[in-house]
Amino acid sequence: MPPASDRSRSATAPVPEETLRLHPLTPIALGGRVLGVLIVITALGFAERGASGGGSPRWIQIGVFGGLAVLVVVRGVITVAVTSYHLLGGELRIDSGLLQKQSKRIRLDRVQSVDVLEPLSARIFGLAEVKVTTAGSERAAVRLRYLTLPVAQSLRADLLGRSTGAGEGAVEAPERPLLIVPHGRLVGSVLLEMVSWRLLLLAVGPALAVIGNRNGHRATAGVGIAIFVWFAVLIAHAIWQRVNSLWEFTVTESPDGLRIRHGLLSTTRQTVPPGRVQAILIHQPMSWRPFGWVKVRMNVAGYGRADSSKRSTLIPVSDRAFAEQLVGWVLGGVDLSQIPLSRPPRRAAVPAPLWWRAEWAGAGDRVFVVRHGPLSHTIDVVPHQRTQSLRLAAGPVERALGLASFHLDSTPGPVKTRAAHRDATEAREMLDRQIDRARSARQVGSARPVPAPQAT
């Protein structure tokens, strides 16, 4: 046995600090968008002068654009020089600032997700960004820009290992594919989702053009054509954005959590540790109903309301049966079809005459479920142990009819759970029982007793 002095010295030995070094090309990748625009404008200027047989190049314009490019790169160099990242045991420390120094510490046991992002400007150089989201909010997220892709993936595994208590030096865990969204189904679902009021906007332009031609008003016809082209460009851009961001959407299972990869030009690799999903929504737009398709979105602590919808997407499109199986597995082996649901009383037809029959709510042993929507169907699922707050709300009409709506609040995100227009006594009982369920669920904890499903 070592002497007492040696034991005390080893017990108080400082934890070694690991400094993370960013890639030397980070300044160029940080200003990639601005540099790309400057290069394109300069190239177009040369092409225009070459086509018109012009004289010498516009050296003043080239000098201005070159100066802007230098400023962009210098700004990136300064940002990299004054920012450092340090791993110290269970903490990540970020030191930054040129004139005013700042130091920020993040406890890794509060990490909600670790993402590896590859924007196009960084992907060109084989670089990636590591985004660490904590339990606070999206503003509290830490971005390590940029590292080589292998280093970023290794760092993600290390951070996830430290956050779950596995210790330092965790390696990339193996994964098993659960779902790969076919390209044709993705494009078809995006196009079908556009079958809505947006198509009416496209009809405005041709209508004005026809009216203008019949009455000899060329200006009206020209305005109609311009409106049609404008809205067509907007809709085409919206379609491209969704297809580009959700392309090659893959969901895999791994010991460190649920892994999600997607993106055509810019790639995103998400990892949500086990048990960090706060609530789930299964939505079926009306135009998808003939095909039996649904989409699945989720609330994850730290993502925030302003976060883009692609980060909250669990499945962009799949069969309803598989989606419900995957949701049940993520929530610990829940069978949504076995949850008993009830409908509001008949007097709920007064405040909601068209959709009161489509409002269903109920609870099982692990989750609270709400089904709603007469045309587009939606299922909201919240695990009892993830309940954040509960409340009852009743407007003047509801109070006069003895009705109330029960709200179950989760973390910020797409899932908004409400059992609408219930009998006031029933709503109060729902609230009281949910308080007991949430308290009991937190004491018991979560489990995943069933194997993960796999799409065929």
Protein backbone atom coordinates (compact mmCIF):
# COMPACT_ATOMS: atom_id res chain seq x y z
CA MET A 1 0.00 0.00 0.00
CA PRO A 2 1.44 3.43 -0.95
CA PRO A 3 2.14 5.92 1.82
CA ALA A 4 -0.61 8.29 2.94
CA SER A 5 1.24 11.25 1.44
CA ASP A 6 1.25 9.59 -2.01
CA ARG A 7 -2.44 8.74 -1.76
CA SER A 8 -3.37 12.32 -0.84
CA ARG A 9 -1.17 13.65 -3.64
CA SER A 10 -2.86 11.41 -6.22
CA ALA A 11 -6.33 12.26 -4.92
CA THR A 12 -5.69 15.96 -5.31
CA ALA A 13 -3.83 15.69 -8.63
CA PRO A 14 -5.31 18.12 -11.17
CA VAL A 15 -7.29 16.73 -14.08
CA PRO A 16 -5.24 17.10 -17.28
CA GLU A 17 -6.52 19.82 -19.59
CA GLU A 18 -6.92 19.17 -23.30
CA THR A 19 -6.80 22.13 -25.69
CA LEU A 20 -8.70 21.82 -28.96
CA ARG A 21 -6.95 23.33 -31.98
CA LEU A 22 -9.01 24.60 -34.91
CA HIS A 23 -7.96 23.88 -38.49
CA PRO A 24 -5.74 26.49 -40.23
CA LEU A 25 -8.31 26.88 -43.04
CA THR A 26 -10.99 27.93 -40.55
CA PRO A 27 -10.74 31.69 -41.45
CA ILE A 28 -11.49 30.93 -45.11
CA ALA A 29 -14.36 28.57 -44.23
CA LEU A 30 -15.85 31.15 -41.83
CA GLY A 31 -16.03 33.73 -44.63
CA GLY A 32 -16.96 31.19 -47.28
CA ARG A 33 -20.27 32.77 -48.27
CA VAL A 34 -18.88 36.29 -48.64
CA LEU A 35 -15.80 35.05 -50.47
CA GLY A 36 -17.97 32.98 -52.79
CA VAL A 37 -20.14 35.97 -53.68
CA LEU A 38 -17.07 38.14 -54.35
CA ILE A 39 -15.54 35.46 -56.59
CA VAL A 40 -18.78 35.02 -58.56
CA ILE A 41 -19.21 38.78 -59.08
CA THR A 42 -15.60 39.13 -60.21
CA ALA A 43 -15.90 36.18 -62.58
CA LEU A 44 -19.12 37.56 -64.09
CA GLY A 45 -17.39 40.92 -64.64
CA PHE A 46 -14.52 39.26 -66.52
CA ALA A 47 -16.97 37.19 -68.57
CA GLU A 48 -19.02 40.26 -69.49
CA ARG A 49 -15.98 42.22 -70.63
CA GLY A 50 -14.68 39.24 -72.58
CA ALA A 51 -18.02 38.78 -74.38
CA SER A 52 -18.26 42.48 -75.27
CA GLY A 53 -14.64 42.66 -76.41
CA GLY A 54 -13.85 45.30 -73.81
CA GLY A 55 -10.44 46.63 -72.93
CA SER A 56 -8.41 46.06 -69.83
CA PRO A 57 -9.97 44.70 -66.62
CA ARG A 58 -11.48 47.10 -64.08
CA TRP A 59 -8.60 47.19 -61.67
CA ILE A 60 -10.44 49.45 -59.23
CA GLN A 61 -13.30 46.95 -58.92
CA ILE A 62 -10.83 44.08 -58.56
CA GLY A 63 -8.93 46.02 -55.90
CA VAL A 64 -12.11 46.74 -53.92
CA PHE A 65 -13.28 43.13 -54.00
CA GLY A 66 -9.77 41.92 -53.17
CA GLY A 67 -9.64 44.28 -50.19
CA LEU A 68 -13.00 43.01 -48.95
CA ALA A 69 -11.79 39.42 -49.30
CA VAL A 70 -8.67 40.22 -47.29
CA LEU A 71 -10.78 41.86 -44.57
CA VAL A 72 -13.02 38.81 -44.38
CA VAL A 73 -10.04 36.48 -44.00
CA VAL A 74 -8.33 38.77 -41.46
CA ARG A 75 -11.52 38.87 -39.40
CA GLY A 76 -11.58 35.07 -39.41
CA VAL A 77 -7.91 34.90 -38.41
CA ILE A 78 -8.52 37.25 -35.45
CA THR A 79 -11.59 35.24 -34.39
CA VAL A 80 -9.61 32.01 -34.41
CA ALA A 81 -6.63 33.59 -32.66
CA VAL A 82 -8.63 34.98 -29.73
CA THR A 83 -10.87 31.92 -29.24
CA SER A 84 -9.71 28.73 -27.56
CA TYR A 85 -11.50 25.58 -26.40
CA HIS A 86 -10.39 23.47 -23.45
CA LEU A 87 -11.66 20.09 -22.19
CA LEU A 88 -11.18 19.69 -18.45
CA GLY A 89 -12.72 16.50 -17.07
CA GLY A 90 -16.48 16.98 -17.21
CA GLU A 91 -16.33 20.59 -18.42
CA LEU A 92 -15.81 22.40 -21.71
CA ARG A 93 -14.28 25.87 -21.33
CA ILE A 94 -14.41 28.52 -24.06
CA ASP A 95 -12.07 31.54 -23.79
CA SER A 96 -12.73 34.36 -26.26
CA GLY A 97 -12.43 38.10 -26.79
CA LEU A 98 -9.82 40.49 -28.20
CA LEU A 99 -10.23 43.61 -26.04
CA GLN A 100 -12.72 42.22 -23.53
CA LYS A 101 -11.87 38.68 -22.44
CA GLN A 102 -14.65 36.19 -21.70
CA SER A 103 -14.55 32.67 -20.29
CA LYS A 104 -17.53 30.31 -20.48
CA ARG A 105 -17.82 26.90 -18.85
CA ILE A 106 -20.26 24.16 -19.85
CA ARG A 107 -20.98 21.08 -17.79
CA LEU A 108 -20.94 18.12 -20.13
CA ASP A 109 -23.51 16.24 -18.03
CA ARG A 110 -26.03 18.87 -19.16
CA VAL A 111 -25.40 18.24 -22.86
CA GLN A 112 -28.63 17.49 -24.74
CA SER A 113 -27.19 16.78 -28.19
CA VAL A 114 -23.94 16.91 -30.14
CA ASP A 115 -24.18 17.61 -33.88
CA VAL A 116 -21.57 17.53 -36.63
CA LEU A 117 -22.43 20.07 -39.34
CA GLU A 118 -20.81 20.37 -42.76
CA PRO A 119 -21.83 23.64 -44.44
CA LEU A 120 -20.83 23.83 -48.09
CA SER A 121 -18.06 26.38 -47.47
CA ALA A 122 -16.42 24.00 -44.98
CA ARG A 123 -17.26 20.76 -46.78
CA ILE A 124 -15.17 21.89 -49.76
CA PHE A 125 -12.06 21.73 -47.55
CA GLY A 126 -13.11 18.55 -45.73
CA LEU A 127 -13.95 20.48 -42.55
CA ALA A 128 -16.88 20.21 -40.15
CA GLU A 129 -18.40 22.04 -37.19
CA VAL A 130 -19.19 20.46 -33.84
CA LYS A 131 -22.29 21.98 -32.22
CA VAL A 132 -22.91 21.22 -28.55
CA THR A 133 -26.42 21.99 -27.31
CA THR A 134 -27.05 22.18 -23.58
CA ALA A 135 -30.21 22.16 -21.48
CA GLY A 136 -30.43 25.95 -21.42
CA SER A 137 -31.45 27.21 -24.83
CA GLU A 138 -30.29 27.46 -28.43
CA ARG A 139 -28.35 30.60 -27.55
CA ALA A 140 -26.31 28.59 -25.07
CA ALA A 141 -25.11 26.22 -27.82
CA VAL A 142 -21.35 26.08 -28.41
CA ARG A 143 -19.96 25.85 -31.95
CA LEU A 144 -16.45 24.57 -32.64
CA ARG A 145 -15.70 25.82 -36.14
CA TYR A 146 -13.89 24.18 -37.88
CA LEU A 147 -12.15 20.80 -37.50
CA THR A 148 -11.38 18.06 -39.98
CA LEU A 149 -14.29 15.66 -40.33
CA PRO A 150 -12.55 12.66 -38.64
CA VAL A 151 -11.47 14.87 -35.71
CA ALA A 152 -15.01 16.28 -35.42
CA GLN A 153 -16.53 12.80 -35.32
CA SER A 154 -13.98 11.66 -32.73
CA LEU A 155 -14.67 14.74 -30.61
CA ARG A 156 -18.41 14.11 -30.80
CA ALA A 157 -17.90 10.58 -29.47
CA ASP A 158 -15.64 11.88 -26.68
CA LEU A 159 -18.12 14.58 -25.63
CA LEU A 160 -21.03 12.13 -25.63
CA GLY A 161 -18.97 9.68 -23.58
CA ARG A 162 -18.16 12.33 -21.01
CA SER A 163 -21.79 13.53 -20.91
CA THR A 164 -23.10 10.03 -20.14
CA GLY A 165 -20.38 9.26 -17.57
CA ALA A 166 -18.48 6.79 -19.77
CA GLY A 167 -15.29 8.78 -19.26
CA GLU A 168 -12.68 10.28 -21.54
CA GLY A 169 -11.47 8.88 -24.81
CA ALA A 170 -14.71 7.23 -25.91
CA VAL A 171 -14.53 6.02 -29.51
CA GLU A 172 -17.17 6.27 -32.21
CA ALA A 173 -19.81 3.69 -31.29
CA PRO A 174 -21.14 1.30 -33.97
CA GLU A 175 -24.55 2.02 -35.43
CA ARG A 176 -27.45 0.09 -36.93
CA PRO A 177 -29.59 1.67 -39.67
CA LEU A 178 -33.27 2.06 -38.82
CA LEU A 179 -34.52 4.16 -41.73
CA ILE A 180 -33.23 5.58 -45.03
CA VAL A 181 -35.82 7.75 -46.77
CA PRO A 182 -35.99 6.94 -50.51
CA HIS A 183 -35.27 9.92 -52.76
CA GLY A 184 -38.45 9.51 -54.78
CA ARG A 185 -40.65 9.39 -51.70
CA LEU A 186 -38.96 12.49 -50.27
CA VAL A 187 -39.43 14.54 -53.45
CA GLY A 188 -43.02 13.32 -53.84
CA SER A 189 -43.90 14.18 -50.25
CA VAL A 190 -42.46 17.70 -50.59
CA LEU A 191 -44.40 18.31 -53.81
CA LEU A 192 -47.64 16.97 -52.30
CA GLU A 193 -47.15 19.17 -49.24
CA MET A 194 -47.20 22.17 -51.56
CA VAL A 195 -50.73 21.24 -52.66
CA SER A 196 -52.38 23.90 -50.50
CA TRP A 197 -53.26 27.57 -50.54
CA ARG A 198 -49.89 28.26 -52.21
CA LEU A 199 -51.31 27.04 -55.52
CA LEU A 200 -53.92 29.80 -55.31
CA LEU A 201 -51.09 32.33 -55.36
CA LEU A 202 -49.89 30.87 -58.66
CA ALA A 203 -53.37 31.34 -60.12
CA VAL A 204 -53.44 35.07 -59.34
CA GLY A 205 -50.84 35.92 -61.99
CA PRO A 206 -52.42 34.06 -64.94
CA ALA A 207 -55.85 35.47 -64.00
CA LEU A 208 -54.52 39.03 -64.18
CA ALA A 209 -52.73 38.25 -67.45
CA VAL A 210 -55.95 36.90 -69.06
CA ILE A 211 -57.99 39.88 -67.86
CA GLY A 212 -55.34 42.29 -69.16
CA ASN A 213 -55.18 40.66 -72.61
CA ARG A 214 -58.97 40.60 -73.01
CA ASN A 215 -59.27 44.28 -72.15
CA GLY A 216 -56.16 45.42 -74.00
CA HIS A 217 -54.33 46.42 -70.81
CA ARG A 218 -50.74 45.38 -71.41
CA ALA A 219 -49.62 46.73 -68.05
CA THR A 220 -52.11 44.49 -66.22
CA ALA A 221 -50.99 41.49 -68.26
CA GLY A 222 -47.36 42.29 -67.50
CA VAL A 223 -48.09 42.56 -63.78
CA GLY A 224 -49.87 39.20 -63.91
CA ILE A 225 -46.90 37.52 -65.57
CA ALA A 226 -44.50 39.10 -63.06
CA ILE A 227 -46.63 37.90 -60.12
CA PHE A 228 -46.75 34.37 -61.53
CA VAL A 229 -42.98 34.24 -62.04
CA TRP A 230 -42.36 35.70 -58.56
CA PHE A 231 -44.55 33.18 -56.74
CA ALA A 232 -43.25 30.32 -58.90
CA VAL A 233 -39.69 31.21 -57.89
CA LEU A 234 -40.68 31.40 -54.20
CA ILE A 235 -42.38 27.99 -54.30
CA ALA A 236 -39.51 26.42 -56.26
CA HIS A 237 -37.06 27.84 -53.71
CA ALA A 238 -39.10 26.40 -50.82
CA ILE A 239 -39.16 22.98 -52.52
CA TRP A 240 -35.42 23.11 -53.15
CA GLN A 241 -34.65 24.09 -49.55
CA ARG A 242 -36.58 21.15 -48.13
CA VAL A 243 -35.21 18.61 -50.60
CA ASN A 244 -31.66 19.92 -50.15
CA SER A 245 -31.81 19.84 -46.34
CA LEU A 246 -33.60 16.45 -46.04
CA TRP A 247 -31.78 14.60 -48.83
CA GLU A 248 -30.37 11.17 -47.91
CA PHE A 249 -32.19 11.30 -44.55
CA THR A 250 -30.91 8.44 -42.41
CA VAL A 251 -31.84 7.39 -38.86
CA THR A 252 -29.57 4.95 -37.03
CA GLU A 253 -29.40 3.41 -33.57
CA SER A 254 -26.19 3.47 -31.53
CA PRO A 255 -25.22 3.09 -27.85
CA ASP A 256 -24.60 6.86 -27.57
CA GLY A 257 -28.08 7.76 -28.81
CA LEU A 258 -30.20 8.31 -31.86
CA ARG A 259 -28.17 9.40 -34.89
CA ILE A 260 -29.69 11.41 -37.72
CA ARG A 261 -27.89 12.34 -40.96
CA HIS A 262 -29.24 14.40 -43.83
CA GLY A 263 -28.32 17.03 -46.39
CA LEU A 264 -27.25 17.31 -50.03
CA LEU A 265 -24.91 20.32 -50.28
CA SER A 266 -24.56 20.93 -46.53
CA THR A 267 -24.60 17.83 -44.34
CA THR A 268 -25.86 17.56 -40.76
CA ARG A 269 -25.03 14.71 -38.37
CA GLN A 270 -27.17 14.83 -35.23
CA THR A 271 -26.77 12.70 -32.14
CA VAL A 272 -29.48 12.84 -29.48
CA PRO A 273 -28.41 10.91 -26.33
CA PRO A 274 -30.88 8.34 -24.92
CA GLY A 275 -33.74 9.80 -22.93
CA ARG A 276 -33.25 13.40 -24.14
CA VAL A 277 -36.34 13.48 -26.39
CA GLN A 278 -38.96 15.50 -24.48
CA ALA A 279 -42.05 15.11 -26.71
CA ILE A 280 -42.97 13.76 -30.16
CA LEU A 281 -45.47 14.76 -32.84
CA ILE A 282 -46.76 12.51 -35.65
CA HIS A 283 -48.37 14.59 -38.40
CA GLN A 284 -50.19 13.49 -41.54
CA PRO A 285 -51.01 16.29 -44.02
CA MET A 286 -54.28 15.83 -45.88
CA SER A 287 -52.48 15.41 -49.22
CA TRP A 288 -50.47 12.49 -47.77
CA ARG A 289 -53.44 10.52 -46.49
CA PRO A 290 -54.03 8.50 -49.73
CA PHE A 291 -50.44 7.21 -49.46
CA GLY A 292 -50.50 6.55 -45.70
CA TRP A 293 -47.43 8.78 -45.13
CA VAL A 294 -46.63 10.74 -41.97
CA LYS A 295 -43.82 12.91 -40.65
CA VAL A 296 -42.41 12.84 -37.12
CA ARG A 297 -40.97 15.81 -35.22
CA MET A 298 -39.65 16.07 -31.68
CA ASN A 299 -38.91 18.46 -28.84
CA VAL A 300 -35.33 18.26 -27.57
CA ALA A 301 -34.26 20.42 -24.65
CA GLY A 302 -31.97 23.20 -25.83
CA TYR A 303 -33.11 23.40 -29.45
CA GLY A 304 -35.46 26.35 -28.84
CA ARG A 305 -38.41 27.81 -30.73
CA ALA A 306 -36.29 29.64 -33.30
CA ASP A 307 -34.40 26.54 -34.29
CA SER A 308 -34.91 25.30 -37.81
CA SER A 309 -37.45 22.57 -38.38
CA LYS A 310 -34.85 20.22 -39.86
CA ARG A 311 -33.14 19.80 -36.46
CA SER A 312 -36.44 18.84 -34.84
CA THR A 313 -37.29 16.33 -37.59
CA LEU A 314 -37.08 12.68 -36.60
CA ILE A 315 -38.65 11.30 -39.80
CA PRO A 316 -39.45 13.54 -42.82
CA VAL A 317 -41.74 10.93 -44.39
CA SER A 318 -42.50 7.25 -43.79
CA ASP A 319 -45.35 4.79 -43.47
CA ARG A 320 -47.61 5.45 -40.50
CA ALA A 321 -47.13 1.98 -39.00
CA PHE A 322 -43.34 2.24 -38.95
CA ALA A 323 -43.45 5.80 -37.60
CA GLU A 324 -45.61 4.74 -34.65
CA GLN A 325 -43.30 1.76 -33.97
CA LEU A 326 -40.22 3.99 -33.98
CA VAL A 327 -41.88 6.57 -31.73
CA GLY A 328 -42.88 3.81 -29.32
CA TRP A 329 -39.30 2.53 -29.23
CA VAL A 330 -37.82 5.99 -28.66
CA LEU A 331 -40.20 6.46 -25.73
CA GLY A 332 -39.22 3.17 -24.11
CA GLY A 333 -41.48 0.53 -25.68
CA VAL A 334 -44.86 2.30 -25.84
CA ASP A 335 -47.68 0.93 -28.01
CA LEU A 336 -49.64 4.02 -29.04
CA SER A 337 -52.56 1.96 -30.32
CA GLN A 338 -53.18 0.63 -26.79
CA ILE A 339 -53.56 4.05 -25.13
CA PRO A 340 -57.22 4.58 -24.11
CA LEU A 341 -58.56 7.88 -25.50
CA SER A 342 -61.77 9.82 -24.91
CA ARG A 343 -63.57 12.61 -26.75
CA PRO A 344 -64.96 15.92 -25.40
CA PRO A 345 -68.67 16.17 -24.47
CA ARG A 346 -71.24 17.11 -27.11
CA ARG A 347 -71.47 20.70 -25.94
CA ALA A 348 -67.89 21.15 -27.20
CA ALA A 349 -69.53 21.50 -30.65
CA VAL A 350 -70.43 25.08 -29.73
CA PRO A 351 -66.84 26.46 -29.63
CA ALA A 352 -65.54 23.89 -32.15
CA PRO A 353 -68.42 22.81 -34.43
CA LEU A 354 -66.27 21.33 -37.22
CA TRP A 355 -63.54 19.49 -35.35
CA TRP A 356 -64.72 18.62 -31.85
CA ARG A 357 -65.33 15.00 -32.90
CA ALA A 358 -61.66 14.74 -33.97
CA GLU A 359 -60.32 15.73 -30.52
CA TRP A 360 -59.13 12.72 -28.50
CA ALA A 361 -56.97 12.55 -25.37
CA GLY A 362 -55.83 9.97 -22.86
CA ALA A 363 -52.92 8.58 -20.90
CA GLY A 364 -51.15 5.26 -20.49
CA ASP A 365 -48.57 4.06 -18.03
CA ARG A 366 -45.75 6.08 -19.64
CA VAL A 367 -47.16 8.74 -21.95
CA PHE A 368 -49.95 11.28 -22.40
CA VAL A 369 -51.44 11.24 -25.92
CA VAL A 370 -53.60 13.73 -27.85
CA ARG A 371 -55.02 13.03 -31.32
CA HIS A 372 -56.57 15.92 -33.23
CA GLY A 373 -57.32 17.26 -36.70
CA PRO A 374 -60.30 16.37 -38.96
CA LEU A 375 -58.39 16.76 -42.26
CA SER A 376 -54.70 16.72 -41.35
CA HIS A 377 -54.22 14.22 -38.53
CA THR A 378 -51.81 14.89 -35.67
CA ILE A 379 -50.73 12.83 -32.65
CA ASP A 380 -48.93 14.55 -29.76
CA VAL A 381 -47.07 12.27 -27.33
CA VAL A 382 -45.42 13.43 -24.09
CA PRO A 383 -43.71 11.03 -21.65
CA HIS A 384 -44.94 11.52 -18.09
CA GLN A 385 -41.43 12.05 -16.74
CA ARG A 386 -40.80 14.84 -19.30
CA THR A 387 -43.75 16.94 -18.15
CA GLN A 388 -42.60 20.53 -17.61
CA SER A 389 -45.80 22.24 -16.44
CA LEU A 390 -49.58 21.77 -16.45
CA ARG A 391 -52.38 24.30 -16.71
CA LEU A 392 -56.09 24.73 -17.38
CA ALA A 393 -57.45 27.42 -19.69
CA ALA A 394 -61.05 28.45 -20.39
CA GLY A 395 -62.40 31.39 -22.36
CA PRO A 396 -65.78 33.06 -21.78
CA VAL A 397 -67.67 30.61 -24.01
CA GLU A 398 -65.99 27.59 -22.43
CA ARG A 399 -66.73 28.82 -18.91
CA ALA A 400 -70.38 29.35 -19.80
CA LEU A 401 -70.59 25.77 -21.11
CA GLY A 402 -68.65 24.26 -18.19
CA LEU A 403 -65.67 23.39 -20.41
CA ALA A 404 -61.91 23.82 -20.05
CA SER A 405 -58.77 22.94 -22.05
CA PHE A 406 -55.95 21.02 -20.40
CA HIS A 407 -52.44 22.07 -21.50
CA LEU A 408 -49.39 19.88 -20.96
CA ASP A 409 -46.26 21.95 -21.56
CA SER A 410 -42.97 20.49 -22.75
CA THR A 411 -39.69 22.16 -23.68
CA PRO A 412 -39.81 24.65 -26.60
CA GLY A 413 -40.35 22.94 -29.92
CA PRO A 414 -42.99 21.88 -32.47
CA VAL A 415 -45.05 19.78 -30.03
CA LYS A 416 -47.84 21.75 -28.34
CA THR A 417 -50.05 19.38 -26.35
CA ARG A 418 -53.62 20.38 -25.50
CA ALA A 419 -56.70 18.35 -24.60
CA ALA A 420 -59.25 20.86 -25.88
CA HIS A 421 -62.82 21.58 -24.70
CA ARG A 422 -63.07 18.94 -21.99
CA ASP A 423 -65.65 18.96 -19.27
CA ALA A 424 -64.29 21.27 -16.53
CA THR A 425 -64.38 18.52 -13.90
CA GLU A 426 -62.70 16.05 -16.27
CA ALA A 427 -60.01 18.60 -17.14
CA ARG A 428 -59.26 19.13 -13.43
CA GLU A 429 -59.02 15.36 -12.93
CA MET A 430 -56.66 15.12 -15.93
CA LEU A 431 -54.39 17.72 -14.36
CA ASP A 432 -54.36 16.08 -10.91
CA ARG A 433 -53.70 12.61 -12.33
CA GLN A 434 -50.94 13.89 -14.61
CA ILE A 435 -49.18 15.45 -11.61
CA ASP A 436 -49.17 12.04 -9.91
CA ARG A 437 -48.05 10.25 -13.09
CA ALA A 438 -45.18 12.70 -13.65
CA ARG A 439 -43.99 12.35 -10.05
CA SER A 440 -44.10 8.56 -10.18
CA ALA A 441 -42.41 8.38 -13.60
CA ARG A 442 -39.47 10.49 -12.42
CA GLN A 443 -38.94 8.13 -9.52
CA VAL A 444 -39.09 4.99 -11.68
CA GLY A 445 -37.00 6.31 -14.61
CA SER A 446 -37.10 5.24 -18.23
CA ALA A 447 -36.43 1.97 -20.03
CA ARG A 448 -36.14 0.61 -23.56
CA PRO A 449 -37.22 -3.00 -23.27
CA VAL A 450 -37.97 -3.66 -26.94
CA PRO A 451 -35.66 -3.86 -29.96
CA ALA A 452 -35.70 -0.97 -32.38
CA PRO A 453 -37.85 -1.39 -35.52
CA GLN A 454 -36.37 -1.31 -38.99
CA ALA A 455 -38.10 -0.04 -42.10
CA THR A 456 -38.55 -2.56 -44.89
